[in-house]
Amino acid sequence: MVTGANKGVGYEIAAGLGALGWRVGVGARDQQRRDEAVARLRESGVDAFGVALDVTDDESVAAAAAQIEHDEGRLDVLVNNAGIVGGVPQTPTTISPDTIRAAVETNVIGVVRVTNAMLPLLRRSPSPRVVQMSSTVGSLTRQTTPGADTGPVSGAYSPSKTFLNAIVVQYAKELAGTNILMNAGCPGFVATDLNGFRGTRTPQQGAQVAIQLATLPDDGPTGGFFNDSGPLPW
């Protein structure tokens, strides 16, 4: 299942996994956009189904997990792709606490909420994979490297991705010794509505890291941070 899969990078992750023969759940809040995405995927030959999902709502997430358990019986891969920027500008001296709260609620707490709800289903898989879509703007190493291009000053989005990266590390520690591989992935600067389509990569290119991490072999890495070229600094 891919969250936020009705458009952009999420849609292309679903399409890419579907092209490999996977049955793919399209998680999205908006019913019309979700249905349209499922229809487009099916027209292209993907075995897709819709999952009503608001990552910020406990009942919605529980219902999504119940749907997958009833209809599928297990989950092999979870890609937490849904996320928000939270509006701009985000200079720390002027940002509203509500903007920070909204970014963390979706980009961090929403990821934890969905991951924990789906873990019982993932444990039923012979080779479960969890991909948390992050960003290099969340890398403290890059943010503190003089001259590194880390985008505009951000008091909500970038720190929320730093928080997400830290959560991935803690999950990996807790899940060590299990067959669940969990990693963070950065799609790069993709042209989507999150950045007003100013990105330099296509959604198809941005989806590649998630597809790579979703299909890792059993001896693949866990608790890492990657783009489609390899490991990234935390």
Protein backbone atom coordinates (compact mmCIF):
# COMPACT_ATOMS: atom_id res chain seq x y z
CA MET A 1 0.00 0.00 0.00
CA VAL A 2 1.13 3.50 -0.85
CA THR A 3 -0.24 6.49 1.06
CA GLY A 4 -0.89 9.71 -0.84
CA ALA A 5 -0.99 7.64 -4.01
CA ASN A 6 -3.62 9.53 -5.96
CA LYS A 7 -1.10 11.88 -7.60
CA GLY A 8 2.54 12.86 -8.01
CA VAL A 9 5.29 10.66 -6.62
CA GLY A 10 2.84 8.45 -4.74
CA TYR A 11 0.95 7.62 -7.91
CA GLU A 12 4.17 6.77 -9.73
CA ILE A 13 5.30 4.54 -6.85
CA ALA A 14 2.03 2.65 -7.15
CA ALA A 15 2.41 2.47 -10.92
CA GLY A 16 6.01 1.28 -10.67
CA LEU A 17 5.25 -1.45 -8.15
CA GLY A 18 2.21 -2.46 -10.15
CA ALA A 19 4.32 -2.78 -13.29
CA LEU A 20 6.43 -5.32 -11.39
CA GLY A 21 3.33 -7.41 -10.83
CA TRP A 22 2.37 -6.25 -7.34
CA ARG A 23 -1.24 -5.76 -6.27
CA VAL A 24 -1.25 -2.18 -5.02
CA GLY A 25 -3.47 -0.34 -2.56
CA VAL A 26 -3.95 3.33 -3.42
CA GLY A 27 -4.28 5.20 -0.13
CA ALA A 28 -5.82 8.66 -0.36
CA ARG A 29 -8.32 10.90 1.44
CA ASP A 30 -10.21 12.27 -1.54
CA GLN A 31 -12.59 9.64 -2.90
CA GLN A 32 -12.89 11.08 -6.41
CA ARG A 33 -9.13 11.44 -6.87
CA ARG A 34 -8.58 8.01 -5.36
CA ASP A 35 -11.11 6.39 -7.67
CA GLU A 36 -9.65 8.19 -10.69
CA ALA A 37 -6.14 7.05 -9.79
CA VAL A 38 -7.27 3.44 -9.38
CA ALA A 39 -9.04 3.60 -12.74
CA ARG A 40 -5.94 4.97 -14.48
CA LEU A 41 -3.73 2.33 -12.92
CA ARG A 42 -6.10 -0.45 -13.92
CA GLU A 43 -6.24 0.88 -17.47
CA SER A 44 -2.45 0.55 -17.60
CA GLY A 45 -2.63 -3.05 -16.42
CA VAL A 46 -1.95 -2.54 -12.70
CA ASP A 47 -3.90 -4.63 -10.19
CA ALA A 48 -4.91 -1.66 -8.04
CA PHE A 49 -7.54 -1.10 -5.37
CA GLY A 50 -8.55 1.95 -3.37
CA VAL A 51 -8.01 2.48 0.34
CA ALA A 52 -9.81 5.38 2.02
CA LEU A 53 -7.12 6.85 4.24
CA ASP A 54 -6.55 10.06 6.18
CA VAL A 55 -3.21 9.61 7.94
CA THR A 56 -4.14 12.23 10.55
CA ASP A 57 -7.26 10.36 11.70
CA ASP A 58 -7.14 7.33 14.01
CA GLU A 59 -10.46 5.91 12.87
CA SER A 60 -9.59 6.27 9.19
CA VAL A 61 -6.27 4.49 9.65
CA ALA A 62 -7.86 1.69 11.69
CA ALA A 63 -10.52 1.23 9.01
CA ALA A 64 -7.84 1.06 6.29
CA ALA A 65 -5.98 -1.65 8.21
CA ALA A 66 -9.24 -3.56 8.73
CA GLN A 67 -10.00 -3.35 5.00
CA ILE A 68 -6.62 -4.76 4.03
CA GLU A 69 -6.87 -7.50 6.64
CA HIS A 70 -10.33 -8.51 5.44
CA ASP A 71 -9.62 -8.31 1.71
CA GLU A 72 -5.93 -9.21 1.47
CA GLY A 73 -5.00 -10.98 4.69
CA ARG A 74 -1.53 -9.46 4.89
CA LEU A 75 0.61 -6.57 3.67
CA ASP A 76 3.99 -7.06 2.03
CA VAL A 77 5.03 -3.44 1.54
CA LEU A 78 4.02 -0.14 3.11
CA VAL A 79 5.17 3.12 1.53
CA ASN A 80 4.36 6.15 3.68
CA ASN A 81 4.41 8.84 1.01
CA ALA A 82 1.66 11.24 2.15
CA GLY A 83 3.06 14.55 3.33
CA ILE A 84 2.56 18.30 3.40
CA VAL A 85 4.83 21.35 3.24
CA GLY A 86 2.62 23.49 5.45
CA GLY A 87 2.75 26.75 3.53
CA VAL A 88 5.48 29.34 3.03
CA PRO A 89 7.39 31.29 4.19
CA GLN A 90 8.54 29.25 7.17
CA THR A 91 11.15 31.45 8.81
CA PRO A 92 11.40 30.29 12.45
CA THR A 93 11.01 33.84 13.81
CA THR A 94 7.65 34.32 12.12
CA ILE A 95 6.16 30.85 11.66
CA SER A 96 2.89 29.98 13.33
CA PRO A 97 2.98 27.12 15.83
CA ASP A 98 -0.09 25.77 14.03
CA THR A 99 1.98 25.42 10.84
CA ILE A 100 4.63 23.42 12.66
CA ARG A 101 1.98 21.31 14.36
CA ALA A 102 0.24 20.49 11.07
CA ALA A 103 3.49 19.45 9.39
CA VAL A 104 4.45 17.17 12.26
CA GLU A 105 0.95 15.72 12.49
CA THR A 106 1.02 14.58 8.86
CA ASN A 107 4.71 14.00 8.18
CA VAL A 108 5.65 12.30 11.46
CA ILE A 109 2.70 11.32 13.64
CA GLY A 110 0.71 10.24 10.59
CA VAL A 111 3.59 8.00 9.53
CA VAL A 112 3.79 6.44 12.99
CA ARG A 113 0.01 6.02 13.12
CA VAL A 114 -0.12 4.21 9.77
CA THR A 115 3.03 2.16 10.35
CA ASN A 116 1.84 0.87 13.72
CA ALA A 117 -1.61 0.05 12.39
CA MET A 118 -0.13 -1.92 9.49
CA LEU A 119 2.65 -3.73 11.39
CA PRO A 120 0.47 -6.73 12.37
CA LEU A 121 -0.32 -7.23 8.67
CA LEU A 122 3.31 -6.73 7.66
CA ARG A 123 4.43 -9.36 10.16
CA ARG A 124 2.39 -11.92 8.20
CA SER A 125 4.53 -11.31 5.11
CA PRO A 126 7.59 -13.45 4.39
CA SER A 127 9.61 -10.36 3.39
CA PRO A 128 7.96 -7.18 4.71
CA ARG A 129 9.31 -3.79 3.68
CA VAL A 130 8.48 -0.31 4.97
CA VAL A 131 9.55 2.81 3.09
CA GLN A 132 9.25 6.19 4.78
CA MET A 133 9.46 8.95 2.19
CA SER A 134 11.69 11.69 3.58
CA SER A 135 13.90 14.40 2.10
CA THR A 136 17.50 15.55 2.12
CA VAL A 137 16.26 18.84 3.58
CA GLY A 138 15.78 16.83 6.77
CA SER A 139 19.46 15.89 6.89
CA LEU A 140 21.18 17.74 9.73
CA THR A 141 24.52 16.92 8.12
CA ARG A 142 23.53 18.73 4.93
CA GLN A 143 21.76 21.56 6.77
CA THR A 144 24.95 22.32 8.70
CA THR A 145 27.36 21.94 5.76
CA PRO A 146 28.46 25.36 4.47
CA GLY A 147 27.42 25.89 0.87
CA ALA A 148 25.11 22.87 0.68
CA ASP A 149 21.88 23.48 -1.22
CA THR A 150 19.16 22.75 1.30
CA GLY A 151 16.44 25.04 0.00
CA PRO A 152 14.85 27.97 1.84
CA VAL A 153 14.90 28.41 5.60
CA SER A 154 12.20 26.11 6.93
CA GLY A 155 10.74 26.02 10.41
CA ALA A 156 8.23 23.23 9.75
CA TYR A 157 8.79 21.03 6.71
CA SER A 158 12.55 20.44 7.04
CA PRO A 159 12.44 19.79 10.80
CA SER A 160 9.50 17.42 10.31
CA LYS A 161 11.64 15.34 7.95
CA THR A 162 14.51 15.42 10.46
CA PHE A 163 12.06 14.10 13.05
CA LEU A 164 10.89 11.43 10.61
CA ASN A 165 14.46 10.31 9.95
CA ALA A 166 15.03 9.99 13.70
CA ILE A 167 11.88 7.88 14.04
CA VAL A 168 13.11 5.53 11.28
CA VAL A 169 16.32 4.95 13.23
CA GLN A 170 14.35 4.08 16.37
CA TYR A 171 12.01 1.74 14.49
CA ALA A 172 15.02 -0.05 13.01
CA LYS A 173 16.49 -0.51 16.48
CA GLU A 174 13.25 -1.96 17.84
CA LEU A 175 12.70 -4.21 14.81
CA ALA A 176 16.30 -5.48 14.69
CA GLY A 177 16.33 -9.25 14.41
CA THR A 178 12.98 -9.37 12.60
CA ASN A 179 12.51 -9.72 8.85
CA ILE A 180 11.05 -6.21 8.54
CA LEU A 181 13.33 -3.87 6.62
CA MET A 182 12.51 -0.19 7.15
CA ASN A 183 14.32 2.67 5.46
CA ALA A 184 13.89 6.36 4.66
CA GLY A 185 14.00 7.44 1.03
CA CYS A 186 14.43 10.82 -0.65
CA PRO A 187 12.80 11.29 -4.08
CA GLY A 188 14.82 14.42 -4.85
CA PHE A 189 13.48 17.80 -5.97
CA VAL A 190 10.45 16.54 -7.88
CA ALA A 191 8.05 18.76 -9.80
CA THR A 192 4.82 18.35 -7.83
CA ASP A 193 2.22 20.59 -6.28
CA LEU A 194 4.20 20.54 -3.03
CA ASN A 195 6.69 22.95 -4.60
CA GLY A 196 4.51 24.60 -7.22
CA PHE A 197 5.94 22.23 -9.84
CA ARG A 198 9.34 23.95 -9.63
CA GLY A 199 11.21 20.68 -9.16
CA THR A 200 13.83 19.42 -11.57
CA ARG A 201 12.92 15.73 -11.46
CA THR A 202 9.85 13.94 -12.77
CA PRO A 203 7.50 12.03 -10.47
CA GLN A 204 8.64 8.84 -12.21
CA GLN A 205 12.24 9.61 -11.28
CA GLY A 206 11.21 10.48 -7.74
CA ALA A 207 9.43 7.15 -7.36
CA GLN A 208 12.53 5.07 -8.08
CA VAL A 209 13.99 5.16 -4.57
CA ALA A 210 10.74 3.87 -3.05
CA ILE A 211 10.54 1.07 -5.60
CA GLN A 212 14.15 0.12 -4.86
CA LEU A 213 13.60 0.06 -1.11
CA ALA A 214 10.26 -1.75 -1.43
CA THR A 215 11.90 -4.58 -3.34
CA LEU A 216 15.08 -5.04 -1.30
CA PRO A 217 16.39 -8.59 -0.93
CA ASP A 218 16.14 -10.25 2.48
CA ASP A 219 19.76 -9.33 3.24
CA GLY A 220 19.19 -5.69 2.29
CA PRO A 221 19.81 -2.71 4.58
CA THR A 222 17.49 -1.47 7.29
CA GLY A 223 17.49 1.77 9.25
CA GLY A 224 19.15 3.69 6.42
CA PHE A 225 18.54 6.85 4.44
CA PHE A 226 18.81 6.65 0.66
CA ASN A 227 18.11 8.26 -2.68
CA ASP A 228 18.08 6.31 -5.92
CA SER A 229 21.87 6.67 -6.19
CA GLY A 230 22.70 5.26 -2.77
CA PRO A 231 23.06 6.15 0.92
CA LEU A 232 22.55 9.68 2.23
CA PRO A 233 23.89 11.35 5.41
CA TRP A 234 21.44 11.72 8.27
